[in-house]
C-alpha atoms as a PDB file:
ATOM      1  CA  UNK A   1       0.251  -0.123  -0.063  1.00  0.00           C
ATOM      2  CA  UNK A   2       0.850   3.484  -0.454  1.00  0.00           C
ATOM      3  CA  UNK A   3      -0.258   6.915  -1.030  1.00  0.00           C
ATOM      4  CA  UNK A   4      -1.784   8.087  -4.240  1.00  0.00           C
ATOM      5  CA  UNK A   5       0.983  10.761  -4.980  1.00  0.00           C
ATOM      6  CA  UNK A   6       3.830   8.121  -4.506  1.00  0.00           C
ATOM      7  CA  UNK A   7       2.224   5.497  -6.644  1.00  0.00           C
ATOM      8  CA  UNK A   8       1.818   8.024  -9.278  1.00  0.00           C
ATOM      9  CA  UNK A   9       5.493   8.973  -9.189  1.00  0.00           C
ATOM     10  CA  UNK A  10       6.331   5.094  -9.429  1.00  0.00           C
ATOM     11  CA  UNK A  11       4.270   4.504 -12.135  1.00  0.00           C
ATOM     12  CA  UNK A  12       5.270   7.416 -14.218  1.00  0.00           C
ATOM     13  CA  UNK A  13       8.748   6.502 -13.691  1.00  0.00           C
ATOM     14  CA  UNK A  14       8.398   2.580 -14.277  1.00  0.00           C
ATOM     15  CA  UNK A  15       6.249   2.524 -17.120  1.00  0.00           C
ATOM     16  CA  UNK A  16       7.305   6.180 -18.795  1.00  0.00           C
ATOM     17  CA  UNK A  17       3.793   7.631 -18.031  1.00  0.00           C
ATOM     18  CA  UNK A  18       2.704  11.374 -18.005  1.00  0.00           C
ATOM     19  CA  UNK A  19       0.827  11.938 -14.608  1.00  0.00           C
ATOM     20  CA  UNK A  20      -2.865  11.591 -15.932  1.00  0.00           C
ATOM     21  CA  UNK A  21      -1.767   8.344 -17.944  1.00  0.00           C
ATOM     22  CA  UNK A  22      -0.288   7.022 -14.456  1.00  0.00           C
ATOM     23  CA  UNK A  23      -3.665   7.972 -12.810  1.00  0.00           C
ATOM     24  CA  UNK A  24      -5.581   6.197 -15.294  1.00  0.00           C
ATOM     25  CA  UNK A  25      -3.090   3.235 -15.243  1.00  0.00           C
ATOM     26  CA  UNK A  26      -3.414   2.825 -11.255  1.00  0.00           C
ATOM     27  CA  UNK A  27      -7.418   3.492 -11.275  1.00  0.00           C
ATOM     28  CA  UNK A  28      -7.704   0.428 -13.997  1.00  0.00           C
ATOM     29  CA  UNK A  29      -5.102  -1.792 -11.965  1.00  0.00           C
ATOM     30  CA  UNK A  30      -7.009  -1.077  -8.515  1.00  0.00           C
ATOM     31  CA  UNK A  31     -10.302  -1.681 -10.223  1.00  0.00           C
ATOM     32  CA  UNK A  32      -8.851  -4.943 -12.015  1.00  0.00           C
ATOM     33  CA  UNK A  33      -7.504  -6.297  -8.637  1.00  0.00           C
ATOM     34  CA  UNK A  34     -10.845  -5.233  -6.730  1.00  0.00           C
ATOM     35  CA  UNK A  35     -12.980  -7.251  -9.178  1.00  0.00           C
ATOM     36  CA  UNK A  36     -10.681 -10.124  -9.163  1.00  0.00           C
ATOM     37  CA  UNK A  37     -10.990 -10.857  -5.412  1.00  0.00           C
ATOM     38  CA  UNK A  38     -14.633 -10.107  -5.633  1.00  0.00           C
ATOM     39  CA  UNK A  39     -15.549 -12.285  -8.794  1.00  0.00           C
ATOM     40  CA  UNK A  40     -13.255 -15.141  -7.751  1.00  0.00           C
ATOM     41  CA  UNK A  41     -13.067 -15.435  -4.105  1.00  0.00           C
ATOM     42  CA  UNK A  42     -16.456 -12.982  -2.719  1.00  0.00           C
ATOM     43  CA  UNK A  43     -13.752 -10.742  -0.774  1.00  0.00           C
ATOM     44  CA  UNK A  44     -13.401  -7.031  -0.361  1.00  0.00           C
ATOM     45  CA  UNK A  45      -9.694  -6.031  -1.223  1.00  0.00           C
ATOM     46  CA  UNK A  46      -9.898  -3.533   1.651  1.00  0.00           C
ATOM     47  CA  UNK A  47     -10.223  -5.916   4.190  1.00  0.00           C
ATOM     48  CA  UNK A  48      -6.893  -6.276   6.401  1.00  0.00           C
ATOM     49  CA  UNK A  49      -7.751  -9.754   7.541  1.00  0.00           C
ATOM     50  CA  UNK A  50      -7.075 -11.009   4.176  1.00  0.00           C
ATOM     51  CA  UNK A  51      -3.301 -10.102   4.242  1.00  0.00           C
ATOM     52  CA  UNK A  52      -0.713 -11.780   6.451  1.00  0.00           C
ATOM     53  CA  UNK A  53       1.593  -8.676   6.047  1.00  0.00           C
ATOM     54  CA  UNK A  54       0.835  -5.030   4.976  1.00  0.00           C
ATOM     55  CA  UNK A  55       3.666  -3.010   3.634  1.00  0.00           C
ATOM     56  CA  UNK A  56       3.309   0.799   3.403  1.00  0.00           C
ATOM     57  CA  UNK A  57       5.673   1.541   0.546  1.00  0.00           C
ATOM     58  CA  UNK A  58       5.612   5.487   1.201  1.00  0.00           C
ATOM     59  CA  UNK A  59       8.145   4.236   4.266  1.00  0.00           C
ATOM     60  CA  UNK A  60       9.792   1.242   3.011  1.00  0.00           C
ATOM     61  CA  UNK A  61      11.510   0.924  -0.066  1.00  0.00           C
ATOM     62  CA  UNK A  62      10.343  -1.904  -2.622  1.00  0.00           C
ATOM     63  CA  UNK A  63      13.499  -3.968  -2.444  1.00  0.00           C
ATOM     64  CA  UNK A  64      13.520  -3.586   1.350  1.00  0.00           C
ATOM     65  CA  UNK A  65       9.779  -4.853   1.177  1.00  0.00           C
ATOM     66  CA  UNK A  66      10.911  -7.591  -1.314  1.00  0.00           C
ATOM     67  CA  UNK A  67      13.272  -8.765   1.675  1.00  0.00           C
ATOM     68  CA  UNK A  68      10.557  -8.508   4.270  1.00  0.00           C
ATOM     69  CA  UNK A  69       8.082 -10.609   2.236  1.00  0.00           C
ATOM     70  CA  UNK A  70      10.766 -13.122   1.682  1.00  0.00           C
ATOM     71  CA  UNK A  71      11.736 -13.459   5.533  1.00  0.00           C
ATOM     72  CA  UNK A  72       7.942 -13.547   6.185  1.00  0.00           C
ATOM     73  CA  UNK A  73       7.437 -16.897   3.761  1.00  0.00           C
ATOM     74  CA  UNK A  74      10.591 -18.422   5.151  1.00  0.00           C
ATOM     75  CA  UNK A  75       9.280 -18.259   8.550  1.00  0.00           C
ATOM     76  CA  UNK A  76       5.765 -19.320   7.539  1.00  0.00           C
ATOM     77  CA  UNK A  77       6.654 -22.227   5.825  1.00  0.00           C
ATOM     78  CA  UNK A  78       9.558 -23.378   8.163  1.00  0.00           C
ATOM     79  CA  UNK A  79      11.950 -23.214   5.283  1.00  0.00           C
ATOM     80  CA  UNK A  80      14.658 -22.094   7.642  1.00  0.00           C
ATOM     81  CA  UNK A  81      14.091 -25.505   9.526  1.00  0.00           C
ATOM     82  CA  UNK A  82      13.976 -27.791   6.597  1.00  0.00           C
ATOM     83  CA  UNK A  83      17.205 -25.927   5.329  1.00  0.00           C
ATOM     84  CA  UNK A  84      19.024 -26.876   8.883  1.00  0.00           C
ATOM     85  CA  UNK A  85      17.956 -30.390   8.672  1.00  0.00           C
ATOM     86  CA  UNK A  86      19.079 -31.458   5.310  1.00  0.00           C
END
């Protein structure tokens, strides 16, 4: 998650979009994600109980977020114990 302004900036940089195109891109992506969860799982994307981890990308860089996610997966599935046991 992140503020609209930061998301616009990232979309402009990542996809070489002007501001208005970045806003439209974000709106379409958000609508698609929301529809996918509703249509396939009958869930509301804004329900925080759906998620194991929520990261504010205004405060945490994307590469640091990726490390947090990786660490969470390793712990959740006890992959660190499996490696030590092998």
